[in-house]
């Protein structure tokens, strides 16, 4: 009796197969709709990130070529800046090390190669050579600390430009030295940064890539 009862309520194979096919079609349509929505979100996001990403990749490849894998040799590339340990440039008395010439030579090759490339050069507005310092609540003391950091940044920039006359002659206007206050206590005071500030061309290229999504 039980078997006959079960068979009585079972659907024939034909309708069951039809229901399965309809379910698959509905699921496929739903997945396609969601995929289209995700694509419409991702494409503009990629258009925004791609120009900056391409610039970062080229600079990173130049750094790896000169200094080896990222993080070795005291030099890294992160967040649009070349970051170097200050110990590569200065001793504990803030005097330039004798070995600074080798570090500067490698950095010179990186920036000269980047600026000689027309595409990269068009996307670089300013290369800011910065030395970090920790601000002090005392105005007079803070001025002294800031001036010392400014002097360190200028010494590094002068060393960089003087190591190759071509860099100073053709691209000296790209470089600016500045003291950079640390965002957190003790953070960024033991390094020299070469911040890549993008040119207007980078923003223009982003807008051009986004134009088709606004139509």
N, C-alpha and C. Protein backbone atom coordinates (compact mmCIF):
# COMPACT_ATOMS: atom_id res chain seq x y z
N UNK A 1 0.83 -1.21 0.00
CA UNK A 1 0.00 0.00 0.00
C UNK A 1 0.86 1.26 0.00
N UNK A 2 1.91 1.20 0.77
CA UNK A 2 2.75 2.38 0.86
C UNK A 2 3.39 2.70 -0.47
N UNK A 3 3.85 1.67 -1.18
CA UNK A 3 4.49 1.90 -2.47
C UNK A 3 3.50 2.47 -3.47
N UNK A 4 2.29 1.94 -3.47
CA UNK A 4 1.26 2.44 -4.39
C UNK A 4 0.89 3.88 -4.05
N UNK A 5 0.86 4.20 -2.74
CA UNK A 5 0.52 5.57 -2.33
C UNK A 5 1.59 6.55 -2.80
N UNK A 6 2.87 6.15 -2.65
CA UNK A 6 3.98 7.01 -3.08
C UNK A 6 3.92 7.23 -4.58
N UNK A 7 3.66 6.18 -5.33
CA UNK A 7 3.58 6.30 -6.79
C UNK A 7 2.42 7.19 -7.21
N UNK A 8 1.36 7.16 -6.39
CA UNK A 8 0.18 7.96 -6.71
C UNK A 8 0.50 9.45 -6.70
N UNK A 9 1.38 9.87 -5.74
CA UNK A 9 1.70 11.29 -5.59
C UNK A 9 2.97 11.70 -6.33
N UNK A 10 3.68 10.79 -6.91
CA UNK A 10 4.89 11.12 -7.67
C UNK A 10 4.52 11.69 -9.02
N UNK A 11 5.25 12.73 -9.44
CA UNK A 11 5.05 13.31 -10.76
C UNK A 11 5.73 12.45 -11.82
N UNK A 12 5.18 12.42 -13.00
CA UNK A 12 5.83 11.68 -14.08
C UNK A 12 7.18 12.30 -14.42
N UNK A 13 8.10 11.54 -14.99
CA UNK A 13 9.44 12.05 -15.30
C UNK A 13 9.42 13.27 -16.21
N UNK A 14 8.47 13.34 -17.14
CA UNK A 14 8.42 14.47 -18.08
C UNK A 14 8.25 15.81 -17.39
N UNK A 15 7.20 16.00 -16.59
CA UNK A 15 7.01 17.27 -15.87
C UNK A 15 8.16 17.61 -14.92
N UNK A 16 8.72 16.57 -14.27
CA UNK A 16 9.85 16.81 -13.35
C UNK A 16 11.03 17.39 -14.11
N UNK A 17 11.34 16.82 -15.27
CA UNK A 17 12.45 17.30 -16.08
C UNK A 17 12.19 18.73 -16.54
N UNK A 18 10.92 19.01 -16.90
CA UNK A 18 10.56 20.37 -17.34
C UNK A 18 10.78 21.37 -16.21
N UNK A 19 10.37 21.00 -14.99
CA UNK A 19 10.55 21.89 -13.84
C UNK A 19 12.03 22.14 -13.56
N UNK A 20 12.84 21.10 -13.69
CA UNK A 20 14.28 21.25 -13.47
C UNK A 20 14.88 22.21 -14.49
N UNK A 21 14.48 22.05 -15.77
CA UNK A 21 15.00 22.92 -16.82
C UNK A 21 14.57 24.38 -16.59
N UNK A 22 13.31 24.56 -16.18
CA UNK A 22 12.83 25.93 -15.89
C UNK A 22 13.62 26.53 -14.73
N UNK A 23 13.88 25.72 -13.69
CA UNK A 23 14.66 26.20 -12.55
C UNK A 23 16.06 26.61 -12.95
N UNK A 24 16.68 25.79 -13.82
CA UNK A 24 18.03 26.11 -14.29
C UNK A 24 18.04 27.42 -15.08
N UNK A 25 17.01 27.62 -15.90
CA UNK A 25 16.91 28.84 -16.70
C UNK A 25 16.74 30.07 -15.81
N UNK A 26 15.88 29.95 -14.80
CA UNK A 26 15.66 31.07 -13.88
C UNK A 26 16.94 31.39 -13.11
N UNK A 27 17.64 30.35 -12.65
CA UNK A 27 18.89 30.54 -11.91
C UNK A 27 19.95 31.18 -12.80
N UNK A 28 20.04 30.74 -14.06
CA UNK A 28 21.02 31.31 -14.99
C UNK A 28 20.73 32.78 -15.25
N UNK A 29 19.43 33.11 -15.40
CA UNK A 29 19.06 34.51 -15.62
C UNK A 29 19.41 35.38 -14.42
N UNK A 30 19.19 34.83 -13.21
CA UNK A 30 19.51 35.57 -11.99
C UNK A 30 21.01 35.79 -11.87
N UNK A 31 21.81 34.75 -12.15
CA UNK A 31 23.27 34.87 -12.07
C UNK A 31 23.79 35.86 -13.11
N UNK A 32 23.20 35.83 -14.31
CA UNK A 32 23.62 36.75 -15.37
C UNK A 32 23.32 38.19 -14.97
N UNK A 33 22.14 38.41 -14.38
CA UNK A 33 21.75 39.75 -13.94
C UNK A 33 22.72 40.28 -12.88
N UNK A 34 23.06 39.41 -11.93
CA UNK A 34 24.00 39.83 -10.88
C UNK A 34 25.39 40.07 -11.46
N UNK A 35 25.80 39.25 -12.41
CA UNK A 35 27.12 39.41 -13.02
C UNK A 35 27.21 40.74 -13.76
N UNK A 36 26.14 41.11 -14.45
CA UNK A 36 26.11 42.39 -15.18
C UNK A 36 26.21 43.55 -14.20
N UNK A 37 25.49 43.45 -13.08
CA UNK A 37 25.54 44.52 -12.08
C UNK A 37 26.94 44.65 -11.50
N UNK A 38 27.59 43.52 -11.22
CA UNK A 38 28.95 43.54 -10.68
C UNK A 38 29.92 44.14 -11.70
N UNK A 39 29.75 43.76 -12.97
CA UNK A 39 30.62 44.27 -14.03
C UNK A 39 30.48 45.79 -14.16
N UNK A 40 29.24 46.29 -14.07
CA UNK A 40 29.01 47.74 -14.17
C UNK A 40 29.66 48.49 -13.03
N UNK A 41 29.82 47.82 -11.90
CA UNK A 41 30.51 48.45 -10.77
C UNK A 41 32.02 48.35 -10.90
N UNK A 42 32.50 47.18 -11.34
CA UNK A 42 33.94 46.94 -11.39
C UNK A 42 34.64 47.73 -12.50
N UNK A 43 34.00 47.85 -13.66
CA UNK A 43 34.65 48.52 -14.79
C UNK A 43 35.02 49.97 -14.48
N UNK A 44 34.11 50.79 -13.91
CA UNK A 44 34.53 52.14 -13.53
C UNK A 44 35.61 52.15 -12.46
N UNK A 45 35.52 51.20 -11.51
CA UNK A 45 36.53 51.13 -10.46
C UNK A 45 37.90 50.81 -11.05
N UNK A 46 37.94 49.89 -12.00
CA UNK A 46 39.20 49.56 -12.66
C UNK A 46 39.71 50.73 -13.49
N UNK A 47 38.78 51.46 -14.12
CA UNK A 47 39.18 52.63 -14.90
C UNK A 47 39.82 53.69 -14.03
N UNK A 48 39.35 53.82 -12.79
CA UNK A 48 39.94 54.77 -11.85
C UNK A 48 41.32 54.33 -11.40
N UNK A 49 41.48 53.03 -11.17
CA UNK A 49 42.72 52.53 -10.58
C UNK A 49 43.81 52.24 -11.60
N UNK A 50 43.45 51.96 -12.84
CA UNK A 50 44.43 51.48 -13.80
C UNK A 50 45.57 52.44 -14.10
N UNK A 51 45.31 53.75 -14.38
CA UNK A 51 46.43 54.64 -14.67
C UNK A 51 47.43 54.72 -13.53
N UNK A 52 46.93 54.85 -12.30
CA UNK A 52 47.82 54.92 -11.14
C UNK A 52 48.56 53.59 -10.95
N UNK A 53 47.85 52.49 -11.20
CA UNK A 53 48.46 51.17 -11.05
C UNK A 53 49.58 50.96 -12.06
N UNK A 54 49.36 51.41 -13.30
CA UNK A 54 50.38 51.27 -14.33
C UNK A 54 51.63 52.06 -13.98
N UNK A 55 51.44 53.28 -13.45
CA UNK A 55 52.57 54.10 -13.03
C UNK A 55 53.34 53.44 -11.89
N UNK A 56 52.60 52.90 -10.93
CA UNK A 56 53.22 52.23 -9.78
C UNK A 56 54.00 51.00 -10.22
N UNK A 57 53.45 50.23 -11.14
CA UNK A 57 54.12 49.02 -11.60
C UNK A 57 55.44 49.33 -12.30
N UNK A 58 55.44 50.40 -13.10
CA UNK A 58 56.67 50.75 -13.82
C UNK A 58 57.76 51.20 -12.85
N UNK A 59 57.39 52.03 -11.88
CA UNK A 59 58.36 52.49 -10.90
C UNK A 59 58.86 51.33 -10.04
N UNK A 60 57.96 50.44 -9.69
CA UNK A 60 58.34 49.30 -8.86
C UNK A 60 59.31 48.38 -9.60
N UNK A 61 59.07 48.19 -10.89
CA UNK A 61 59.98 47.33 -11.67
C UNK A 61 61.37 47.95 -11.78
N UNK A 62 61.44 49.27 -11.89
CA UNK A 62 62.73 49.95 -11.93
C UNK A 62 63.47 49.82 -10.60
N UNK A 63 62.72 49.93 -9.50
CA UNK A 63 63.33 49.79 -8.18
C UNK A 63 63.87 48.38 -7.96
N UNK A 64 63.08 47.39 -8.36
CA UNK A 64 63.51 45.99 -8.19
C UNK A 64 64.77 45.73 -9.02
N UNK A 65 64.84 46.32 -10.19
CA UNK A 65 66.01 46.13 -11.05
C UNK A 65 67.27 46.67 -10.40
N UNK A 66 67.16 47.79 -9.69
CA UNK A 66 68.33 48.42 -9.08
C UNK A 66 68.62 47.91 -7.67
N UNK A 67 67.57 47.69 -6.88
CA UNK A 67 67.76 47.36 -5.46
C UNK A 67 67.43 45.92 -5.11
N UNK A 68 66.87 45.16 -6.05
CA UNK A 68 66.46 43.80 -5.74
C UNK A 68 65.02 43.76 -5.28
N UNK A 69 64.56 42.60 -4.79
CA UNK A 69 63.17 42.44 -4.35
C UNK A 69 62.76 43.52 -3.36
N UNK A 70 61.48 43.89 -3.40
CA UNK A 70 60.96 44.95 -2.54
C UNK A 70 61.23 44.63 -1.07
N UNK A 71 61.71 45.63 -0.36
CA UNK A 71 61.98 45.45 1.06
C UNK A 71 63.44 45.17 1.36
N UNK A 72 64.23 44.80 0.37
CA UNK A 72 65.65 44.55 0.58
C UNK A 72 66.43 45.82 0.30
N UNK A 73 67.58 45.93 0.91
CA UNK A 73 68.43 47.09 0.69
C UNK A 73 67.89 48.36 1.32
N UNK A 74 66.87 48.24 2.17
CA UNK A 74 66.35 49.41 2.87
C UNK A 74 65.50 50.32 2.01
N UNK A 75 65.07 49.87 0.83
CA UNK A 75 64.27 50.69 -0.07
C UNK A 75 63.02 49.92 -0.47
N UNK A 76 61.87 50.57 -0.35
CA UNK A 76 60.61 49.96 -0.76
C UNK A 76 59.79 50.97 -1.55
N UNK A 77 58.77 50.45 -2.22
CA UNK A 77 57.84 51.32 -2.93
C UNK A 77 56.45 51.02 -2.41
N UNK A 78 55.80 52.06 -1.85
CA UNK A 78 54.47 51.84 -1.27
C UNK A 78 53.68 53.13 -1.31
N UNK A 79 52.38 53.01 -1.68
CA UNK A 79 51.46 54.13 -1.65
C UNK A 79 51.99 55.33 -2.44
N UNK A 80 52.54 55.07 -3.61
CA UNK A 80 52.98 56.16 -4.47
C UNK A 80 54.24 56.85 -4.00
N UNK A 81 55.05 56.18 -3.19
CA UNK A 81 56.28 56.79 -2.69
C UNK A 81 57.40 55.77 -2.61
N UNK A 82 58.60 56.21 -2.95
CA UNK A 82 59.80 55.40 -2.73
C UNK A 82 60.28 55.74 -1.32
N UNK A 83 60.35 54.73 -0.46
CA UNK A 83 60.71 54.94 0.94
C UNK A 83 62.05 54.29 1.22
N UNK A 84 62.99 55.07 1.77
CA UNK A 84 64.33 54.57 2.07
C UNK A 84 64.67 54.84 3.53
N UNK A 85 65.36 53.90 4.16
CA UNK A 85 65.82 54.11 5.53
C UNK A 85 66.78 55.29 5.56
N UNK A 86 66.60 56.17 6.53
CA UNK A 86 67.48 57.34 6.63
C UNK A 86 68.92 56.95 6.90
N UNK A 87 69.13 55.74 7.47
CA UNK A 87 70.49 55.27 7.75
C UNK A 87 71.29 55.03 6.47
N UNK A 88 70.61 54.92 5.34
CA UNK A 88 71.32 54.78 4.06
C UNK A 88 71.99 56.09 3.66
N UNK A 89 71.52 57.21 4.22
CA UNK A 89 72.03 58.53 3.85
C UNK A 89 72.84 59.19 4.96
N UNK A 90 72.37 59.04 6.23
CA UNK A 90 72.97 59.80 7.32
C UNK A 90 73.46 58.88 8.45
N UNK A 91 74.50 59.35 9.14
CA UNK A 91 74.92 58.66 10.36
C UNK A 91 74.15 59.26 11.53
N UNK A 92 74.50 58.90 12.75
CA UNK A 92 73.74 59.36 13.91
C UNK A 92 73.93 60.84 14.19
N UNK A 93 74.94 61.45 13.59
CA UNK A 93 75.17 62.89 13.74
C UNK A 93 74.60 63.68 12.57
N UNK A 94 73.75 63.03 11.78
CA UNK A 94 73.12 63.66 10.61
C UNK A 94 74.13 64.10 9.57
N UNK A 95 75.24 63.40 9.50
CA UNK A 95 76.22 63.66 8.45
C UNK A 95 76.04 62.62 7.35
N UNK A 96 76.26 63.05 6.12
CA UNK A 96 76.11 62.12 5.00
C UNK A 96 77.15 61.01 5.08
N UNK A 97 76.71 59.79 4.87
CA UNK A 97 77.62 58.64 4.87
C UNK A 97 78.44 58.61 3.59
N UNK A 98 79.58 58.00 3.67
CA UNK A 98 80.41 57.84 2.48
C UNK A 98 79.74 56.92 1.47
N UNK A 99 78.95 55.97 1.99
CA UNK A 99 78.28 55.01 1.11
C UNK A 99 77.03 55.58 0.45
N UNK A 100 76.71 56.85 0.75
CA UNK A 100 75.49 57.45 0.21
C UNK A 100 75.53 57.52 -1.31
N UNK A 101 76.73 57.61 -1.87
CA UNK A 101 76.86 57.78 -3.32
C UNK A 101 76.29 56.58 -4.08
N UNK A 102 76.46 55.37 -3.54
CA UNK A 102 75.94 54.19 -4.22
C UNK A 102 74.41 54.16 -4.18
N UNK A 103 73.84 54.50 -3.02
CA UNK A 103 72.38 54.56 -2.90
C UNK A 103 71.80 55.61 -3.82
N UNK A 104 72.44 56.78 -3.84
CA UNK A 104 71.96 57.88 -4.68
C UNK A 104 72.10 57.53 -6.16
N UNK A 105 73.17 56.83 -6.50
CA UNK A 105 73.37 56.45 -7.90
C UNK A 105 72.23 55.56 -8.38
N UNK A 106 71.84 54.59 -7.56
CA UNK A 106 70.76 53.69 -7.93
C UNK A 106 69.43 54.43 -8.04
N UNK A 107 69.17 55.33 -7.09
CA UNK A 107 67.95 56.12 -7.15
C UNK A 107 67.94 57.02 -8.38
N UNK A 108 69.11 57.52 -8.72
CA UNK A 108 69.23 58.37 -9.90
C UNK A 108 68.85 57.60 -11.16
N UNK A 109 69.30 56.36 -11.24
CA UNK A 109 68.97 55.52 -12.40
C UNK A 109 67.46 55.29 -12.47
N UNK A 110 66.84 55.05 -11.31
CA UNK A 110 65.40 54.80 -11.27
C UNK A 110 64.62 56.01 -11.77
N UNK A 111 64.91 57.18 -11.22
CA UNK A 111 64.15 58.37 -11.60
C UNK A 111 64.48 58.84 -13.00
N UNK A 112 65.73 58.71 -13.40
CA UNK A 112 66.10 59.12 -14.76
C UNK A 112 65.42 58.23 -15.79
N UNK A 113 65.42 56.92 -15.54
CA UNK A 113 64.75 55.99 -16.45
C UNK A 113 63.25 56.27 -16.53
N UNK A 114 62.65 56.57 -15.37
CA UNK A 114 61.21 56.85 -15.34
C UNK A 114 60.88 58.13 -16.10
N UNK A 115 61.67 59.16 -15.90
CA UNK A 115 61.38 60.45 -16.52
C UNK A 115 61.76 60.50 -17.99
N UNK A 116 62.66 59.63 -18.41
CA UNK A 116 62.99 59.55 -19.84
C UNK A 116 61.87 58.90 -20.64
N UNK A 117 61.05 58.10 -19.95
CA UNK A 117 59.90 57.48 -20.60
C UNK A 117 58.79 58.52 -20.72
N UNK A 118 58.36 58.79 -21.95
CA UNK A 118 57.40 59.86 -22.20
C UNK A 118 56.07 59.63 -21.48
N UNK A 119 55.59 58.39 -21.48
CA UNK A 119 54.30 58.09 -20.83
C UNK A 119 54.40 58.31 -19.33
N UNK A 120 55.45 57.78 -18.72
CA UNK A 120 55.61 57.94 -17.27
C UNK A 120 55.81 59.40 -16.90
N UNK A 121 56.64 60.10 -17.67
CA UNK A 121 56.91 61.50 -17.37
C UNK A 121 55.64 62.35 -17.42
N UNK A 122 54.74 62.04 -18.36
CA UNK A 122 53.52 62.82 -18.49
C UNK A 122 52.58 62.63 -17.30
N UNK A 123 52.79 61.55 -16.53
CA UNK A 123 51.93 61.26 -15.39
C UNK A 123 52.57 61.66 -14.06
N UNK A 124 53.81 62.16 -14.10
CA UNK A 124 54.49 62.59 -12.88
C UNK A 124 54.46 64.11 -12.81
N UNK A 125 53.85 64.66 -11.75
CA UNK A 125 53.82 66.10 -11.59
C UNK A 125 55.02 66.61 -10.83
N UNK A 126 55.23 66.04 -9.63
CA UNK A 126 56.33 66.45 -8.76
C UNK A 126 56.87 65.22 -8.04
N UNK A 127 58.18 65.19 -7.84
CA UNK A 127 58.80 64.18 -6.98
C UNK A 127 59.27 64.91 -5.73
N UNK A 128 58.55 64.69 -4.64
CA UNK A 128 58.84 65.39 -3.40
C UNK A 128 59.81 64.58 -2.56
N UNK A 129 60.99 65.14 -2.32
CA UNK A 129 62.00 64.50 -1.47
C UNK A 129 61.74 64.97 -0.05
N UNK A 130 61.29 64.07 0.80
CA UNK A 130 60.88 64.48 2.14
C UNK A 130 61.64 63.76 3.25
N UNK A 131 61.89 64.51 4.31
CA UNK A 131 62.50 63.95 5.52
C UNK A 131 61.51 64.11 6.65
N UNK A 132 61.20 63.02 7.34
CA UNK A 132 60.19 63.07 8.38
C UNK A 132 60.70 63.65 9.68
N UNK A 133 59.81 64.29 10.41
CA UNK A 133 60.13 64.79 11.75
C UNK A 133 58.89 64.70 12.61
N UNK A 134 59.11 64.62 13.92
CA UNK A 134 57.99 64.53 14.86
C UNK A 134 57.72 65.92 15.44
N UNK A 135 56.55 66.49 15.17
CA UNK A 135 56.24 67.84 15.66
C UNK A 135 56.33 67.93 17.18
N UNK A 136 56.73 69.10 17.66
CA UNK A 136 56.85 69.35 19.09
C UNK A 136 55.87 70.45 19.50
N UNK A 137 55.21 70.33 20.64
CA UNK A 137 54.26 71.37 21.07
C UNK A 137 54.92 72.74 21.24
N UNK A 138 56.18 72.75 21.60
CA UNK A 138 56.89 74.01 21.78
C UNK A 138 57.19 74.62 20.40
N UNK A 139 56.74 75.85 20.18
CA UNK A 139 56.85 76.47 18.86
C UNK A 139 58.31 76.65 18.44
N UNK A 140 59.14 77.13 19.35
CA UNK A 140 60.56 77.37 19.02
C UNK A 140 61.27 76.07 18.72
N UNK A 141 61.06 75.07 19.57
CA UNK A 141 61.70 73.76 19.37
C UNK A 141 61.20 73.10 18.10
N UNK A 142 59.90 73.25 17.83
CA UNK A 142 59.33 72.65 16.64
C UNK A 142 59.92 73.28 15.38
N UNK A 143 60.17 74.59 15.40
CA UNK A 143 60.77 75.26 14.25
C UNK A 143 62.17 74.71 13.98
N UNK A 144 62.92 74.50 15.06
CA UNK A 144 64.28 73.97 14.91
C UNK A 144 64.26 72.56 14.33
N UNK A 145 63.38 71.71 14.85
CA UNK A 145 63.27 70.33 14.36
C UNK A 145 62.85 70.31 12.89
N UNK A 146 61.88 71.17 12.55
CA UNK A 146 61.41 71.23 11.17
C UNK A 146 62.52 71.70 10.22
N UNK A 147 63.29 72.68 10.65
CA UNK A 147 64.38 73.18 9.82
C UNK A 147 65.46 72.13 9.62
N UNK A 148 65.72 71.34 10.65
CA UNK A 148 66.70 70.26 10.53
C UNK A 148 66.22 69.21 9.52
N UNK A 149 64.93 68.87 9.59
CA UNK A 149 64.37 67.91 8.64
C UNK A 149 64.41 68.47 7.22
N UNK A 150 64.11 69.76 7.09
CA UNK A 150 64.16 70.40 5.77
C UNK A 150 65.58 70.36 5.21
N UNK A 151 66.56 70.59 6.08
CA UNK A 151 67.96 70.56 5.65
C UNK A 151 68.36 69.17 5.18
N UNK A 152 67.92 68.14 5.91
CA UNK A 152 68.22 66.76 5.50
C UNK A 152 67.61 66.46 4.13
N UNK A 153 66.37 66.87 3.93
CA UNK A 153 65.71 66.63 2.64
C UNK A 153 66.44 67.33 1.51
N UNK A 154 66.88 68.55 1.76
CA UNK A 154 67.60 69.29 0.72
C UNK A 154 68.95 68.66 0.41
N UNK A 155 69.63 68.13 1.44
CA UNK A 155 70.92 67.47 1.21
C UNK A 155 70.74 66.23 0.33
N UNK A 156 69.69 65.46 0.62
CA UNK A 156 69.43 64.26 -0.20
C UNK A 156 69.09 64.65 -1.63
N UNK A 157 68.25 65.66 -1.80
CA UNK A 157 67.89 66.09 -3.14
C UNK A 157 69.11 66.60 -3.90
N UNK A 158 69.96 67.38 -3.23
CA UNK A 158 71.17 67.89 -3.88
C UNK A 158 72.09 66.75 -4.30
N UNK A 159 72.22 65.74 -3.43
CA UNK A 159 73.04 64.58 -3.76
C UNK A 159 72.48 63.85 -4.97
N UNK A 160 71.15 63.71 -5.00
CA UNK A 160 70.50 63.00 -6.10
C UNK A 160 70.71 63.72 -7.43
N UNK A 161 70.52 65.03 -7.44
CA UNK A 161 70.64 65.79 -8.67
C UNK A 161 72.09 65.96 -9.12
N UNK A 162 73.00 66.04 -8.17
CA UNK A 162 74.40 66.25 -8.53
C UNK A 162 75.09 64.96 -8.97
N UNK A 163 74.45 63.83 -8.71
CA UNK A 163 75.09 62.55 -9.07
C UNK A 163 75.05 62.29 -10.57
N UNK A 164 74.17 62.99 -11.27
CA UNK A 164 74.08 62.83 -12.72
C UNK A 164 73.61 64.16 -13.29
N UNK A 165 74.47 64.81 -14.06
CA UNK A 165 74.16 66.14 -14.60
C UNK A 165 72.90 66.10 -15.47
N UNK A 166 72.64 64.97 -16.10
CA UNK A 166 71.50 64.89 -16.99
C UNK A 166 70.19 65.00 -16.23
N UNK A 167 70.12 64.37 -15.05
CA UNK A 167 68.90 64.44 -14.25
C UNK A 167 68.63 65.87 -13.82
N UNK A 168 69.68 66.57 -13.38
CA UNK A 168 69.51 67.96 -12.94
C UNK A 168 69.19 68.87 -14.11
N UNK A 169 69.83 68.65 -15.23
CA UNK A 169 69.67 69.54 -16.38
C UNK A 169 68.29 69.39 -17.04
N UNK A 170 67.84 68.17 -17.22
CA UNK A 170 66.61 67.93 -17.96
C UNK A 170 65.37 67.81 -17.08
N UNK A 171 65.56 67.33 -15.84
CA UNK A 171 64.38 67.06 -15.01
C UNK A 171 64.50 67.64 -13.61
N UNK A 172 65.39 68.58 -13.41
CA UNK A 172 65.56 69.17 -12.08
C UNK A 172 64.31 69.85 -11.55
N UNK A 173 63.48 70.37 -12.46
CA UNK A 173 62.26 71.08 -12.04
C UNK A 173 61.20 70.14 -11.47
N UNK A 174 61.38 68.84 -11.62
CA UNK A 174 60.42 67.88 -11.07
C UNK A 174 60.61 67.69 -9.56
N UNK A 175 61.77 68.06 -9.03
CA UNK A 175 62.12 67.71 -7.65
C UNK A 175 61.95 68.90 -6.70
N UNK A 176 61.35 68.59 -5.55
CA UNK A 176 61.15 69.57 -4.48
C UNK A 176 61.49 68.89 -3.16
N UNK A 177 62.19 69.61 -2.27
CA UNK A 177 62.54 69.08 -0.95
C UNK A 177 61.63 69.67 0.11
N UNK A 178 61.25 68.85 1.09
CA UNK A 178 60.34 69.34 2.14
C UNK A 178 60.48 68.50 3.40
N UNK A 179 60.22 69.15 4.55
CA UNK A 179 60.12 68.45 5.82
C UNK A 179 58.69 67.93 5.95
N UNK A 180 58.54 66.66 6.33
CA UNK A 180 57.22 66.04 6.41
C UNK A 180 56.92 65.67 7.86
N UNK A 181 55.91 66.30 8.47
CA UNK A 181 55.56 65.94 9.85
C UNK A 181 55.00 64.53 9.94
N UNK A 182 55.40 63.81 10.96
CA UNK A 182 54.93 62.44 11.15
C UNK A 182 53.46 62.44 11.54
N UNK A 183 52.69 61.52 10.93
CA UNK A 183 51.27 61.43 11.24
C UNK A 183 51.01 60.84 12.62
N UNK A 184 51.99 60.01 13.09
CA UNK A 184 51.90 59.40 14.42
C UNK A 184 53.26 59.51 15.10
N UNK A 185 53.30 59.57 16.43
CA UNK A 185 54.58 59.68 17.13
C UNK A 185 55.56 58.58 16.73
N UNK A 186 56.74 58.99 16.28
CA UNK A 186 57.79 58.04 15.93
C UNK A 186 57.63 57.40 14.57
N UNK A 187 56.53 57.69 13.88
CA UNK A 187 56.30 57.06 12.58
C UNK A 187 56.76 57.97 11.45
N UNK A 188 57.69 57.48 10.63
CA UNK A 188 58.14 58.24 9.47
C UNK A 188 59.31 59.15 9.74
N UNK A 189 59.82 59.16 10.99
CA UNK A 189 60.95 60.04 11.30
C UNK A 189 62.29 59.42 10.97
N UNK A 190 62.31 58.14 10.69
CA UNK A 190 63.58 57.44 10.43
C UNK A 190 63.72 57.04 8.96
N UNK A 191 63.07 57.81 8.08
CA UNK A 191 63.13 57.45 6.66
C UNK A 191 63.11 58.69 5.78
N UNK A 192 63.60 58.49 4.57
CA UNK A 192 63.55 59.51 3.54
C UNK A 192 62.56 59.05 2.49
N UNK A 193 61.63 59.92 2.13
CA UNK A 193 60.61 59.55 1.15
C UNK A 193 60.79 60.33 -0.14
N UNK A 194 60.47 59.65 -1.23
CA UNK A 194 60.42 60.29 -2.54
C UNK A 194 58.98 60.10 -3.03
N UNK A 195 58.12 61.05 -2.71
CA UNK A 195 56.70 60.92 -3.02
C UNK A 195 56.42 61.32 -4.46
N UNK A 196 55.75 60.43 -5.17
CA UNK A 196 55.39 60.69 -6.57
C UNK A 196 54.01 61.36 -6.58
N UNK A 197 53.97 62.64 -6.86
CA UNK A 197 52.71 63.37 -6.93
C UNK A 197 52.26 63.38 -8.38
N UNK A 198 51.11 62.76 -8.70
CA UNK A 198 50.68 62.64 -10.10
C UNK A 198 50.40 64.00 -10.74
N UNK A 199 50.58 64.05 -12.04
CA UNK A 199 50.28 65.25 -12.80
C UNK A 199 48.79 65.29 -13.15
N UNK A 200 48.35 66.39 -13.76
CA UNK A 200 46.96 66.50 -14.17
C UNK A 200 46.61 65.47 -15.24
N UNK A 201 47.62 65.02 -15.98
CA UNK A 201 47.39 64.04 -17.05
C UNK A 201 46.77 62.76 -16.50
N UNK A 202 47.16 62.38 -15.30
CA UNK A 202 46.60 61.17 -14.69
C UNK A 202 45.11 61.33 -14.47
N UNK A 203 44.68 62.50 -14.00
CA UNK A 203 43.27 62.75 -13.78
C UNK A 203 42.51 62.85 -15.10
N UNK A 204 43.15 63.45 -16.11
CA UNK A 204 42.53 63.55 -17.43
C UNK A 204 42.29 62.16 -18.01
N UNK A 205 43.27 61.30 -17.87
CA UNK A 205 43.14 59.94 -18.41
C UNK A 205 42.04 59.17 -17.69
N UNK A 206 41.93 59.37 -16.38
CA UNK A 206 40.85 58.72 -15.62
C UNK A 206 39.50 59.20 -16.12
N UNK A 207 39.35 60.50 -16.32
CA UNK A 207 38.08 61.05 -16.81
C UNK A 207 37.75 60.53 -18.20
N UNK A 208 38.78 60.40 -19.05
CA UNK A 208 38.56 59.88 -20.39
C UNK A 208 38.05 58.45 -20.34
N UNK A 209 38.60 57.66 -19.44
CA UNK A 209 38.19 56.26 -19.34
C UNK A 209 36.80 56.13 -18.74
N UNK A 210 36.38 57.13 -17.95
CA UNK A 210 35.07 57.07 -17.33
C UNK A 210 33.96 57.64 -18.21
N UNK A 211 34.35 58.31 -19.30
CA UNK A 211 33.37 58.98 -20.16
C UNK A 211 32.30 58.02 -20.67
N UNK A 212 32.71 56.84 -21.10
CA UNK A 212 31.75 55.90 -21.69
C UNK A 212 30.73 55.41 -20.68
N UNK A 213 31.05 55.47 -19.37
CA UNK A 213 30.10 55.01 -18.36
C UNK A 213 29.09 56.10 -18.00
N UNK A 214 29.37 57.33 -18.43
CA UNK A 214 28.45 58.44 -18.14
C UNK A 214 27.45 58.65 -19.27
N UNK A 215 27.66 57.98 -20.40
CA UNK A 215 26.79 58.13 -21.55
C UNK A 215 25.51 57.33 -21.37
